[in-house]
Amino acid sequence: MFGTESSLSMFLNTLTPKFYVALTGTSSLISGLILIFEWWYFRKYGTSFIEQVSVSHLRPLLGGVDNNSSNNSNSSNGDSDSNRQSVSECKVWRNPLNLFRGAEYNRYTWVTGREPLTYYDMNLSAQDHQTFFTCDSDHLRPADAIMQKAWRERNPQARISAAHEALEINEIRSRVEVPLIASSTIWEIKLLPKCATAYILLAEEEATTIAEAEKLFKQALKAGDGCYRRSQQLQHHGSQYEAQHRRDTNVLVYIKRRLAMCARRLGRTREAVKMMRDLMKEFPLLSMFNIHENLLEALLELQAYADVQAVLAKYDDISLPKSATICYTAALLKARAVSDKFSPEAASRRGLSTAEMNAVEAIHRAVEFNPHVPKYLLEMKSLILPPEHILKRGDSEAIAYAFFHLAHWKRVEGALNLLHCTWEGTFRMIPYPLEKGHLFYPYPICTETADRELLPSFHEVSVYPKKELPFFILFTAGLCSFTAMLALLTHQFPELMGVFAKAMTDAFCPAELRDWDCRRLFMCVEAELEILPAPPSQHFQN
């Protein structure tokens, strides 16, 4: 034992400062690489790689038991209910205020060189178009068959070419000769309806201005209205006619809604409001387009707050799904009543009045539903173009809301000041958002992943609740910094760090090794004393 320990001690005593520089430098480099990888993995997947590997692979080897397997049937049923709720909360919805691709999204790309839409978002739009604008009987009509393939195309130019082809085929086949009277030689030319979905695609993607898109949508309305009226008369003749009527209804509603949005973009807000109200009266059961959110935004632009309150009274119901538009518009109306005279200093002295308390509670309710919105309204975070699909309670919905409603909050005097003073108080009412909600269901944990798919890569996704850095990232950061500091000090002060290293070695050396070193030192001293000559006093005695 002493031989091994003596060899170790001799090895440590013979090390030079260069060895310590190389050791600490290598340790710093390795820990730095681990830190970079851990940080990248955490930013992309939201968890630590080392922690994930430890839980997934080492825990079963060490005899770890999964808590979920020990639950009884009642808790399993509860978990399944909560999982179903989480899935419904993380459902991706069509953005009711989505922009026009050709006139708005493409113009942004031409100016900045950035793509505002992700592939995942555009793929969802393609699925929506196939669901709304196609049916099983499209193969019977050549133009609709071409458009059925066009909605599946990934290349925008291929889709536009297919739409032009559908219109050309429809133009060629539109002139059908039919006899005016049976067994008569008198003929007339009957014009068949044009393809409404082809005009929709051209208005969405080829038109470079809103005015051009509006012209194309008006042509689509003329064609779509004729198809709707014919299919309405035949819808009871079979399931095929019923599916065709359902498709024609979706096409007509979509065209009218986009025409109203064109009027809103072009400044004809009152005309847009009338078109939206007529559309909601004509098709009251079609709530999938969320036309009431378009109506709320247009009414706020007109500052018709009484009409806004009437719409909220109908749609801000406990049985209906909520949205950021509903919650924050309700908060804006209540804040409008007190915001012009609100002062945080005065409120802290005298307390909140009933109206102020109602406004604060409405803001807290809105912030609990979507905690990402206030940073955009208060301009603490930069806005981007909203995506074509949003995730309710997520960052994508917050961007879509703030993009159109920030001007309405600025128009109400003191509303943003009241929001700035009160919105953070929401989080004091929710001790742990992932486990317990206050007015709504607990905040879903899947929003970050879905938002990263919906939003472009150049946007920093807002995460709630803010995730703490994993332990291994902090550990590797500390290790990298410590070893780098040691390497620098050893390089600059080699003698001092050598003395320090030997002192640390002696401090952490086992007691047996230290005792053996002392004995060896004494033996060496005694051996040298025997070789030395005797002192002068001994010679005089002899």
Protein backbone atom coordinates (compact mmCIF):
# COMPACT_ATOMS: atom_id res chain seq x y z
CA MET A 1 0.00 0.00 0.00
CA PHE A 2 2.78 2.36 0.93
CA GLY A 3 4.52 1.63 -2.38
CA THR A 4 1.52 2.68 -4.43
CA GLU A 5 0.93 5.77 -2.31
CA SER A 6 4.58 6.72 -2.47
CA SER A 7 4.55 6.42 -6.25
CA LEU A 8 1.47 8.65 -6.38
CA SER A 9 3.09 11.19 -4.10
CA MET A 10 6.28 11.22 -6.13
CA PHE A 11 4.27 11.62 -9.34
CA LEU A 12 2.37 14.59 -7.95
CA ASN A 13 5.57 16.21 -6.70
CA THR A 14 7.21 15.97 -10.11
CA LEU A 15 4.35 17.68 -12.01
CA THR A 16 5.17 21.03 -13.55
CA PRO A 17 2.88 24.05 -13.91
CA LYS A 18 2.50 23.29 -17.62
CA PHE A 19 0.67 20.11 -16.74
CA TYR A 20 -1.85 22.04 -14.62
CA VAL A 21 -2.37 24.55 -17.42
CA ALA A 22 -3.07 21.74 -19.88
CA LEU A 23 -5.34 19.94 -17.40
CA THR A 24 -7.46 22.94 -16.51
CA GLY A 25 -7.57 24.14 -20.13
CA THR A 26 -8.78 20.77 -21.38
CA SER A 27 -11.38 20.56 -18.61
CA SER A 28 -12.62 24.03 -19.45
CA LEU A 29 -12.87 23.17 -23.16
CA ILE A 30 -14.80 19.94 -22.56
CA SER A 31 -17.19 21.51 -20.05
CA GLY A 32 -17.71 24.44 -22.44
CA LEU A 33 -18.67 22.11 -25.27
CA ILE A 34 -21.08 20.29 -22.95
CA LEU A 35 -22.55 23.64 -21.89
CA ILE A 36 -23.10 24.75 -25.50
CA PHE A 37 -24.80 21.46 -26.40
CA GLU A 38 -26.98 21.52 -23.27
CA TRP A 39 -28.04 25.13 -23.95
CA TRP A 40 -28.89 24.36 -27.59
CA TYR A 41 -30.86 21.27 -26.59
CA PHE A 42 -32.75 23.18 -23.90
CA ARG A 43 -33.65 26.04 -26.26
CA LYS A 44 -34.92 23.59 -28.91
CA TYR A 45 -36.67 20.95 -26.79
CA GLY A 46 -37.22 22.69 -23.46
CA THR A 47 -35.39 20.12 -21.33
CA SER A 48 -31.88 19.04 -20.36
CA PHE A 49 -30.32 16.26 -22.44
CA ILE A 50 -28.38 14.81 -19.51
CA GLU A 51 -31.47 14.92 -17.31
CA GLN A 52 -33.61 13.30 -19.99
CA VAL A 53 -31.09 10.50 -20.56
CA SER A 54 -30.80 9.96 -16.80
CA VAL A 55 -34.55 9.71 -16.33
CA SER A 56 -35.16 7.60 -19.45
CA HIS A 57 -32.27 5.11 -19.25
CA LEU A 58 -30.57 5.19 -15.86
CA ARG A 59 -33.69 5.36 -13.71
CA PRO A 60 -35.08 1.98 -14.86
CA LEU A 61 -31.63 0.38 -14.38
CA LEU A 62 -31.47 1.71 -10.83
CA GLY A 63 -34.89 0.28 -10.00
CA GLY A 64 -36.95 3.45 -10.41
CA VAL A 65 -40.72 3.00 -10.49
CA ASP A 66 -42.97 5.06 -12.68
CA ASN A 67 -45.55 6.78 -10.57
CA ASN A 68 -48.16 6.54 -13.29
CA SER A 69 -48.14 2.73 -13.15
CA SER A 70 -49.09 2.75 -9.47
CA ASN A 71 -52.21 4.86 -9.88
CA ASN A 72 -55.57 3.25 -9.40
CA SER A 73 -58.38 3.26 -11.93
CA ASN A 74 -59.99 6.42 -10.56
CA SER A 75 -56.83 8.47 -10.85
CA SER A 76 -56.26 7.04 -14.33
CA ASN A 77 -59.67 8.24 -15.39
CA GLY A 78 -58.93 11.66 -13.95
CA ASP A 79 -55.63 11.83 -15.78
CA SER A 80 -57.30 10.87 -19.05
CA ASP A 81 -59.87 13.62 -18.57
CA SER A 82 -57.15 16.17 -17.92
CA ASN A 83 -55.22 14.92 -20.93
CA ARG A 84 -58.28 15.32 -23.13
CA GLN A 85 -58.72 18.84 -21.77
CA SER A 86 -55.07 19.58 -22.50
CA VAL A 87 -55.46 18.33 -26.07
CA SER A 88 -58.54 20.47 -26.62
CA GLU A 89 -56.76 23.50 -25.16
CA CYS A 90 -53.83 22.95 -27.55
CA LYS A 91 -55.99 22.67 -30.65
CA VAL A 92 -54.82 24.89 -33.51
CA TRP A 93 -57.48 27.29 -34.82
CA ARG A 94 -57.81 29.24 -38.03
CA ASN A 95 -56.87 32.87 -37.42
CA PRO A 96 -60.08 34.87 -38.07
CA LEU A 97 -58.00 37.98 -38.85
CA ASN A 98 -55.44 36.29 -41.10
CA LEU A 99 -53.78 38.43 -43.74
CA PHE A 100 -53.74 37.99 -47.51
CA ARG A 101 -50.79 36.01 -48.82
CA GLY A 102 -50.21 37.88 -52.05
CA ALA A 103 -51.09 41.40 -50.92
CA GLU A 104 -49.55 41.30 -47.43
CA TYR A 105 -47.40 38.28 -46.57
CA ASN A 106 -45.57 38.22 -49.93
CA ARG A 107 -44.97 41.96 -49.84
CA TYR A 108 -43.31 41.54 -46.44
CA THR A 109 -41.06 38.87 -47.95
CA TRP A 110 -40.15 41.11 -50.89
CA VAL A 111 -39.15 43.95 -48.57
CA THR A 112 -37.37 42.08 -45.75
CA GLY A 113 -36.32 38.81 -47.39
CA ARG A 114 -37.88 36.87 -44.51
CA GLU A 115 -40.62 34.27 -44.70
CA PRO A 116 -43.41 35.23 -42.27
CA LEU A 117 -45.19 31.88 -42.58
CA THR A 118 -43.82 28.49 -41.57
CA TYR A 119 -44.26 25.32 -43.58
CA TYR A 120 -46.40 23.86 -40.80
CA ASP A 121 -48.73 26.85 -40.87
CA MET A 122 -49.11 26.75 -44.67
CA ASN A 123 -49.69 23.00 -44.56
CA LEU A 124 -52.56 23.53 -42.11
CA SER A 125 -54.03 26.12 -44.49
CA ALA A 126 -53.82 23.63 -47.35
CA GLN A 127 -55.73 21.10 -45.25
CA ASP A 128 -58.37 23.72 -44.43
CA HIS A 129 -58.81 24.57 -48.11
CA GLN A 130 -59.25 20.92 -49.01
CA THR A 131 -61.84 20.54 -46.25
CA PHE A 132 -63.85 23.67 -47.04
CA PHE A 133 -63.55 23.94 -50.82
CA THR A 134 -63.71 20.35 -52.10
CA CYS A 135 -66.19 17.49 -52.07
CA ASP A 136 -66.47 13.95 -53.41
CA SER A 137 -68.26 14.99 -56.60
CA ASP A 138 -65.51 17.35 -57.81
CA HIS A 139 -64.20 14.77 -60.27
CA LEU A 140 -67.44 15.16 -62.27
CA ARG A 141 -66.53 18.78 -63.12
CA PRO A 142 -63.15 19.34 -64.84
CA ALA A 143 -62.53 22.77 -63.28
CA ASP A 144 -63.25 21.55 -59.75
CA ALA A 145 -61.07 18.49 -60.35
CA ILE A 146 -58.16 20.74 -61.28
CA MET A 147 -58.73 22.89 -58.18
CA GLN A 148 -58.86 19.79 -56.01
CA LYS A 149 -55.29 19.07 -57.11
CA ALA A 150 -54.31 22.72 -56.87
CA TRP A 151 -55.06 22.90 -53.14
CA ARG A 152 -52.58 20.06 -52.60
CA GLU A 153 -49.75 21.76 -54.47
CA ARG A 154 -46.85 23.03 -52.38
CA ASN A 155 -45.43 25.37 -55.01
CA PRO A 156 -47.33 28.70 -55.08
CA GLN A 157 -46.72 29.21 -58.80
CA ALA A 158 -48.11 25.74 -59.54
CA ARG A 159 -51.27 26.59 -57.59
CA ILE A 160 -51.73 29.87 -59.44
CA SER A 161 -51.18 28.18 -62.83
CA ALA A 162 -53.74 25.51 -61.91
CA ALA A 163 -56.29 28.19 -61.02
CA HIS A 164 -55.81 29.91 -64.39
CA GLU A 165 -56.13 26.54 -66.10
CA ALA A 166 -59.40 25.86 -64.28
CA LEU A 167 -60.81 29.19 -65.44
CA GLU A 168 -59.69 28.57 -69.03
CA ILE A 169 -61.25 25.10 -69.12
CA ASN A 170 -64.42 26.48 -67.65
CA GLU A 171 -64.47 29.24 -70.28
CA ILE A 172 -64.04 26.73 -73.12
CA ARG A 173 -66.76 24.41 -71.82
CA SER A 174 -69.10 27.20 -70.74
CA ARG A 175 -70.78 27.57 -74.11
CA VAL A 176 -73.19 24.68 -74.45
CA GLU A 177 -75.71 24.59 -77.23
CA VAL A 178 -79.23 23.64 -76.08
CA PRO A 179 -82.46 23.74 -78.15
CA LEU A 180 -84.97 26.37 -77.19
CA ILE A 181 -87.87 24.15 -78.24
CA ALA A 182 -87.84 20.42 -78.59
CA SER A 183 -87.38 19.22 -82.18
CA SER A 184 -86.54 22.78 -83.17
CA THR A 185 -83.66 24.14 -85.12
CA ILE A 186 -83.43 27.28 -82.96
CA TRP A 187 -80.50 27.12 -80.51
CA GLU A 188 -79.21 29.37 -77.72
CA ILE A 189 -75.87 29.71 -76.02
CA LYS A 190 -76.09 28.95 -72.26
CA LEU A 191 -73.24 30.16 -70.07
CA LEU A 192 -72.17 27.78 -67.30
CA PRO A 193 -71.00 29.23 -63.94
CA LYS A 194 -67.31 29.87 -63.54
CA CYS A 195 -65.12 28.23 -60.89
CA ALA A 196 -65.44 30.26 -57.68
CA THR A 197 -62.59 28.50 -55.87
CA ALA A 198 -60.17 29.41 -58.68
CA TYR A 199 -60.96 33.09 -58.13
CA ILE A 200 -60.45 32.58 -54.38
CA LEU A 201 -56.96 31.17 -54.90
CA LEU A 202 -56.00 33.99 -57.27
CA ALA A 203 -57.35 36.63 -54.87
CA GLU A 204 -55.44 35.13 -51.95
CA GLU A 205 -52.09 34.45 -53.61
CA GLU A 206 -51.71 36.26 -56.94
CA ALA A 207 -53.23 39.67 -56.17
CA THR A 208 -50.53 42.07 -54.98
CA THR A 209 -52.88 44.69 -53.52
CA ILE A 210 -56.08 44.57 -51.50
CA ALA A 211 -57.96 46.35 -54.31
CA GLU A 212 -56.99 43.60 -56.79
CA ALA A 213 -57.99 40.94 -54.28
CA GLU A 214 -61.38 42.62 -53.80
CA LYS A 215 -62.06 42.58 -57.56
CA LEU A 216 -61.28 38.88 -57.76
CA PHE A 217 -63.42 38.12 -54.71
CA LYS A 218 -66.35 39.96 -56.32
CA GLN A 219 -66.02 37.70 -59.35
CA ALA A 220 -65.82 34.72 -57.01
CA LEU A 221 -68.98 35.93 -55.24
CA LYS A 222 -70.90 36.05 -58.53
CA ALA A 223 -69.88 32.51 -59.40
CA GLY A 224 -70.24 31.15 -55.87
CA ASP A 225 -73.68 32.63 -55.30
CA GLY A 226 -75.02 30.91 -58.44
CA CYS A 227 -73.58 27.55 -57.39
CA TYR A 228 -75.02 27.95 -53.90
CA ARG A 229 -78.52 28.65 -55.16
CA ARG A 230 -78.52 25.66 -57.50
CA SER A 231 -77.16 23.25 -54.89
CA GLN A 232 -79.65 24.57 -52.35
CA GLN A 233 -82.51 23.36 -54.53
CA LEU A 234 -80.93 19.91 -55.01
CA GLN A 235 -79.53 19.26 -51.51
CA HIS A 236 -82.35 16.84 -50.56
CA HIS A 237 -81.89 14.60 -53.62
CA GLY A 238 -79.10 12.55 -52.06
CA SER A 239 -75.96 12.57 -49.97
CA GLN A 240 -73.85 13.64 -52.94
CA TYR A 241 -75.95 16.76 -53.49
CA GLU A 242 -75.95 17.45 -49.75
CA ALA A 243 -72.12 17.35 -49.63
CA GLN A 244 -71.96 19.64 -52.65
CA HIS A 245 -74.33 22.12 -50.99
CA ARG A 246 -72.22 22.07 -47.83
CA ARG A 247 -69.14 22.83 -49.91
CA ASP A 248 -70.91 25.66 -51.77
CA THR A 249 -72.05 27.12 -48.44
CA ASN A 250 -68.48 27.16 -47.10
CA VAL A 251 -67.24 28.81 -50.29
CA LEU A 252 -69.92 31.51 -50.18
CA VAL A 253 -69.35 32.32 -46.50
CA TYR A 254 -65.59 32.48 -47.02
CA ILE A 255 -65.95 34.84 -50.00
CA LYS A 256 -68.31 37.22 -48.18
CA ARG A 257 -66.11 37.27 -45.09
CA ARG A 258 -63.00 38.08 -47.12
CA LEU A 259 -64.87 40.80 -49.01
CA ALA A 260 -65.79 42.36 -45.67
CA MET A 261 -62.13 42.18 -44.63
CA CYS A 262 -61.12 43.87 -47.89
CA ALA A 263 -63.55 46.69 -47.18
CA ARG A 264 -62.09 47.00 -43.66
CA ARG A 265 -58.54 47.17 -45.04
CA LEU A 266 -59.53 49.81 -47.60
CA GLY A 267 -61.05 52.07 -44.94
CA ARG A 268 -64.73 51.32 -45.63
CA THR A 269 -65.31 50.19 -42.06
CA ARG A 270 -69.06 50.84 -41.88
CA GLU A 271 -69.60 48.84 -45.05
CA ALA A 272 -67.51 46.03 -43.57
CA VAL A 273 -69.60 46.03 -40.38
CA LYS A 274 -72.83 45.79 -42.38
CA MET A 275 -71.47 42.90 -44.46
CA MET A 276 -70.37 41.01 -41.36
CA ARG A 277 -73.70 41.46 -39.63
CA ASP A 278 -75.63 40.37 -42.70
CA LEU A 279 -73.40 37.32 -42.98
CA MET A 280 -73.95 36.37 -39.33
CA LYS A 281 -77.72 36.70 -39.77
CA GLU A 282 -77.74 34.66 -42.98
CA PHE A 283 -75.58 31.84 -41.59
CA PRO A 284 -75.96 31.89 -37.79
CA LEU A 285 -74.79 28.30 -37.31
CA LEU A 286 -71.42 28.68 -39.04
CA SER A 287 -69.31 29.63 -36.02
CA MET A 288 -66.12 27.94 -37.28
CA PHE A 289 -65.02 31.15 -39.05
CA ASN A 290 -65.40 33.23 -35.84
CA ILE A 291 -66.82 36.17 -37.77
CA HIS A 292 -67.80 37.89 -34.52
CA GLU A 293 -64.10 38.57 -33.84
CA ASN A 294 -63.84 40.42 -37.16
CA LEU A 295 -66.96 42.35 -36.20
CA LEU A 296 -65.55 43.30 -32.79
CA GLU A 297 -62.37 44.69 -34.34
CA ALA A 298 -64.32 46.74 -36.90
CA LEU A 299 -66.67 48.13 -34.23
CA LEU A 300 -63.71 49.14 -32.07
CA GLU A 301 -62.30 51.01 -35.06
CA LEU A 302 -65.60 52.91 -35.28
CA GLN A 303 -65.49 53.46 -31.48
CA ALA A 304 -68.99 52.01 -31.28
CA TYR A 305 -68.46 50.73 -27.74
CA ALA A 306 -72.16 50.12 -27.08
CA ASP A 307 -72.33 47.80 -30.08
CA VAL A 308 -69.15 46.08 -28.91
CA GLN A 309 -70.75 45.47 -25.52
CA ALA A 310 -73.82 44.00 -27.23
CA VAL A 311 -71.67 41.54 -29.21
CA LEU A 312 -69.75 40.58 -26.06
CA ALA A 313 -73.00 39.97 -24.20
CA LYS A 314 -73.82 37.31 -26.79
CA TYR A 315 -70.45 35.62 -27.20
CA ASP A 316 -68.76 36.11 -23.81
CA ASP A 317 -70.75 33.25 -22.34
CA ILE A 318 -69.52 30.52 -20.02
CA SER A 319 -70.75 27.82 -22.42
CA LEU A 320 -68.86 29.23 -25.42
CA PRO A 321 -65.12 28.91 -26.09
CA LYS A 322 -63.10 31.92 -25.08
CA SER A 323 -60.42 33.77 -26.99
CA ALA A 324 -57.99 36.60 -26.38
CA THR A 325 -60.22 38.91 -28.43
CA ILE A 326 -63.21 38.22 -26.18
CA CYS A 327 -61.35 38.50 -22.86
CA TYR A 328 -59.19 41.51 -23.65
CA THR A 329 -62.01 43.43 -25.37
CA ALA A 330 -64.13 42.97 -22.24
CA ALA A 331 -61.21 44.23 -20.16
CA LEU A 332 -60.76 47.23 -22.48
CA LEU A 333 -64.39 48.26 -22.11
CA LYS A 334 -64.22 48.11 -18.31
CA ALA A 335 -60.87 49.87 -18.26
CA ARG A 336 -62.27 52.63 -20.49
CA ALA A 337 -64.72 53.64 -17.75
CA VAL A 338 -61.97 54.41 -15.18
CA SER A 339 -58.62 54.59 -17.01
CA ASP A 340 -58.66 58.34 -17.78
CA LYS A 341 -58.72 59.21 -14.06
CA PHE A 342 -56.78 56.25 -12.69
CA SER A 343 -53.66 56.94 -10.65
CA PRO A 344 -51.72 54.20 -8.84
CA GLU A 345 -50.65 56.62 -6.08
CA ALA A 346 -54.22 57.74 -5.43
CA ALA A 347 -55.48 54.17 -5.58
CA SER A 348 -52.90 53.05 -3.01
CA ARG A 349 -54.00 55.84 -0.61
CA ARG A 350 -57.78 55.55 -0.88
CA GLY A 351 -58.16 52.04 -2.26
CA LEU A 352 -59.86 50.91 -5.44
CA SER A 353 -63.42 51.95 -6.22
CA THR A 354 -66.00 49.43 -7.41
CA ALA A 355 -65.54 50.35 -11.06
CA GLU A 356 -61.75 50.21 -10.75
CA MET A 357 -61.97 46.84 -9.03
CA ASN A 358 -64.13 45.52 -11.85
CA ALA A 359 -61.62 46.78 -14.41
CA VAL A 360 -58.69 45.20 -12.55
CA GLU A 361 -60.54 41.89 -12.24
CA ALA A 362 -61.31 41.95 -15.97
CA ILE A 363 -57.63 42.54 -16.73
CA HIS A 364 -56.63 39.70 -14.41
CA ARG A 365 -59.13 37.43 -16.14
CA ALA A 366 -57.74 38.31 -19.57
CA VAL A 367 -54.13 37.88 -18.46
CA GLU A 368 -54.89 34.50 -16.95
CA PHE A 369 -56.41 33.36 -20.23
CA ASN A 370 -53.44 34.56 -22.30
CA PRO A 371 -50.45 35.89 -20.33
CA HIS A 372 -48.45 36.76 -23.47
CA VAL A 373 -50.63 39.65 -24.67
CA PRO A 374 -49.59 42.43 -22.22
CA LYS A 375 -45.95 42.42 -23.35
CA TYR A 376 -47.07 43.14 -26.93
CA LEU A 377 -49.64 45.76 -25.91
CA LEU A 378 -47.10 47.50 -23.67
CA GLU A 379 -44.52 47.25 -26.48
CA MET A 380 -42.13 45.32 -24.28
CA LYS A 381 -41.80 42.78 -27.09
CA SER A 382 -41.67 43.43 -30.83
CA LEU A 383 -44.58 42.41 -33.05
CA ILE A 384 -44.41 40.33 -36.22
CA LEU A 385 -47.02 39.49 -38.84
CA PRO A 386 -49.61 37.14 -37.34
CA PRO A 387 -49.71 33.54 -38.62
CA GLU A 388 -52.61 32.00 -40.51
CA HIS A 389 -53.32 29.69 -37.57
CA ILE A 390 -53.20 30.41 -33.87
CA LEU A 391 -53.05 28.44 -30.66
CA LYS A 392 -55.48 29.73 -28.07
CA ARG A 393 -53.73 30.96 -24.92
CA GLY A 394 -50.43 30.82 -26.80
CA ASP A 395 -47.94 33.33 -28.15
CA SER A 396 -49.39 33.04 -31.66
CA GLU A 397 -52.81 34.18 -30.47
CA ALA A 398 -51.22 37.05 -28.54
CA ILE A 399 -49.45 38.26 -31.69
CA ALA A 400 -52.64 38.01 -33.76
CA TYR A 401 -54.62 39.97 -31.17
CA ALA A 402 -52.06 42.71 -30.50
CA PHE A 403 -51.35 43.20 -34.21
CA PHE A 404 -54.89 44.47 -34.81
CA HIS A 405 -55.96 45.73 -31.36
CA LEU A 406 -52.93 47.67 -30.15
CA ALA A 407 -54.30 50.82 -31.84
CA HIS A 408 -57.64 50.41 -30.03
CA TRP A 409 -55.90 50.25 -26.63
CA LYS A 410 -53.82 53.33 -27.46
CA ARG A 411 -56.97 55.20 -28.46
CA VAL A 412 -58.50 54.77 -24.98
CA GLU A 413 -56.76 57.27 -22.69
CA GLY A 414 -55.03 55.63 -19.74
CA ALA A 415 -55.94 52.06 -20.70
CA LEU A 416 -52.36 50.95 -21.26
CA ASN A 417 -51.30 52.67 -18.02
CA LEU A 418 -53.92 50.71 -16.10
CA LEU A 419 -52.80 47.52 -17.80
CA HIS A 420 -49.16 48.26 -16.97
CA CYS A 421 -49.95 48.80 -13.28
CA THR A 422 -52.15 45.75 -12.76
CA TRP A 423 -51.39 42.89 -15.17
CA GLU A 424 -48.58 41.32 -13.16
CA GLY A 425 -50.87 41.00 -10.15
CA THR A 426 -52.57 38.12 -11.93
CA PHE A 427 -49.70 35.75 -11.18
CA ARG A 428 -50.02 36.31 -7.42
CA MET A 429 -53.47 34.72 -7.57
CA ILE A 430 -52.13 31.59 -9.27
CA PRO A 431 -49.47 30.01 -7.04
CA TYR A 432 -48.54 27.37 -9.62
CA PRO A 433 -50.19 27.82 -13.03
CA LEU A 434 -49.42 24.35 -14.33
CA GLU A 435 -51.27 22.67 -11.47
CA LYS A 436 -54.19 24.93 -10.71
CA GLY A 437 -56.15 27.55 -12.58
CA HIS A 438 -58.18 30.38 -11.09
CA LEU A 439 -60.89 31.34 -13.58
CA PHE A 440 -59.95 28.99 -16.43
CA TYR A 441 -58.49 25.55 -16.81
CA PRO A 442 -54.81 25.17 -15.86
CA TYR A 443 -52.50 26.64 -18.44
CA PRO A 444 -51.63 23.91 -21.00
CA ILE A 445 -48.02 22.76 -21.17
CA CYS A 446 -48.05 22.14 -24.93
CA THR A 447 -48.27 25.76 -26.08
CA GLU A 448 -44.53 26.34 -26.46
CA THR A 449 -44.02 23.41 -28.82
CA ALA A 450 -47.01 24.31 -31.00
CA ASP A 451 -46.08 28.00 -31.13
CA ARG A 452 -42.56 27.17 -32.27
CA GLU A 453 -44.11 25.31 -35.21
CA LEU A 454 -46.50 28.13 -36.07
CA LEU A 455 -44.18 31.13 -35.68
CA PRO A 456 -41.11 31.90 -37.83
CA SER A 457 -37.64 31.08 -36.54
CA PHE A 458 -36.53 34.73 -36.30
CA HIS A 459 -39.18 35.39 -33.64
CA GLU A 460 -38.34 34.68 -30.00
CA VAL A 461 -41.29 32.67 -28.72
CA SER A 462 -42.77 33.87 -25.44
CA VAL A 463 -42.85 31.06 -22.86
CA TYR A 464 -45.17 30.90 -19.86
CA PRO A 465 -44.50 30.01 -17.14
CA LYS A 466 -40.85 30.92 -17.53
CA LYS A 467 -38.81 27.75 -17.32
CA GLU A 468 -35.87 27.67 -14.94
CA LEU A 469 -32.55 26.55 -16.33
CA PRO A 470 -31.86 22.87 -15.63
CA PHE A 471 -29.31 21.97 -12.97
CA PHE A 472 -26.86 20.45 -15.44
CA ILE A 473 -26.67 23.67 -17.47
CA LEU A 474 -25.84 25.64 -14.33
CA PHE A 475 -23.38 22.95 -13.22
CA THR A 476 -21.52 22.84 -16.53
CA ALA A 477 -21.48 26.64 -16.70
CA GLY A 478 -19.91 26.82 -13.24
CA LEU A 479 -17.44 24.06 -14.02
CA CYS A 480 -16.41 25.70 -17.30
CA SER A 481 -15.92 29.09 -15.62
CA PHE A 482 -13.98 27.62 -12.68
CA THR A 483 -11.61 25.55 -14.80
CA ALA A 484 -11.06 28.42 -17.22
CA MET A 485 -10.13 30.68 -14.31
CA LEU A 486 -7.73 28.07 -12.96
CA ALA A 487 -6.10 27.68 -16.38
CA LEU A 488 -5.65 31.46 -16.68
CA LEU A 489 -4.19 31.81 -13.18
CA THR A 490 -1.86 28.86 -13.69
CA HIS A 491 -0.61 30.34 -16.92
CA GLN A 492 -0.04 33.79 -15.41
CA PHE A 493 1.29 32.71 -11.98
CA PRO A 494 2.79 29.24 -12.38
CA GLU A 495 4.92 29.19 -9.17
CA LEU A 496 2.14 30.50 -6.94
CA MET A 497 -0.40 28.06 -8.40
CA GLY A 498 2.14 25.21 -8.04
CA VAL A 499 2.49 25.96 -4.34
CA PHE A 500 -1.31 26.15 -4.11
CA ALA A 501 -1.73 22.79 -5.87
CA LYS A 502 0.79 21.11 -3.57
CA ALA A 503 -0.92 22.62 -0.55
CA MET A 504 -4.29 21.34 -1.75
CA THR A 505 -2.74 17.92 -2.38
CA ASP A 506 -1.34 17.85 1.13
CA ALA A 507 -4.66 19.00 2.56
CA PHE A 508 -6.64 16.24 0.86
CA CYS A 509 -3.93 13.55 1.23
CA PRO A 510 -4.86 10.61 3.53
CA ALA A 511 -3.43 10.62 7.08
CA GLU A 512 -1.53 7.36 6.54
CA LEU A 513 0.25 8.81 3.53
CA ARG A 514 1.17 11.97 5.43
CA ASP A 515 2.54 9.90 8.38
CA TRP A 516 4.50 7.70 6.02
CA ASP A 517 5.98 10.77 4.35
CA CYS A 518 7.03 12.15 7.72
CA ARG A 519 8.67 8.87 8.70
CA ARG A 520 10.46 8.74 5.38
CA LEU A 521 11.70 12.28 5.91
CA PHE A 522 13.05 11.42 9.35
CA MET A 523 14.79 8.32 7.99
CA CYS A 524 16.47 10.42 5.31
CA VAL A 525 17.58 12.97 7.92
CA GLU A 526 19.03 10.28 10.17
CA ALA A 527 20.91 8.70 7.27
CA GLU A 528 22.47 12.02 6.38
CA LEU A 529 23.40 12.68 10.01
CA GLU A 530 25.36 9.42 10.16
CA ILE A 531 27.44 10.48 7.16
CA LEU A 532 28.26 13.90 8.55
CA PRO A 533 31.44 14.29 10.71
CA ALA A 534 31.14 14.58 14.46
CA PRO A 535 30.87 18.03 16.04
CA PRO A 536 34.14 19.68 17.31
CA SER A 537 33.21 19.24 20.97
CA GLN A 538 33.38 15.44 20.65
CA HIS A 539 37.03 15.59 19.38
CA PHE A 540 38.09 17.61 22.38
CA GLN A 541 36.46 15.13 24.72
CA ASN A 542 38.30 12.21 23.13
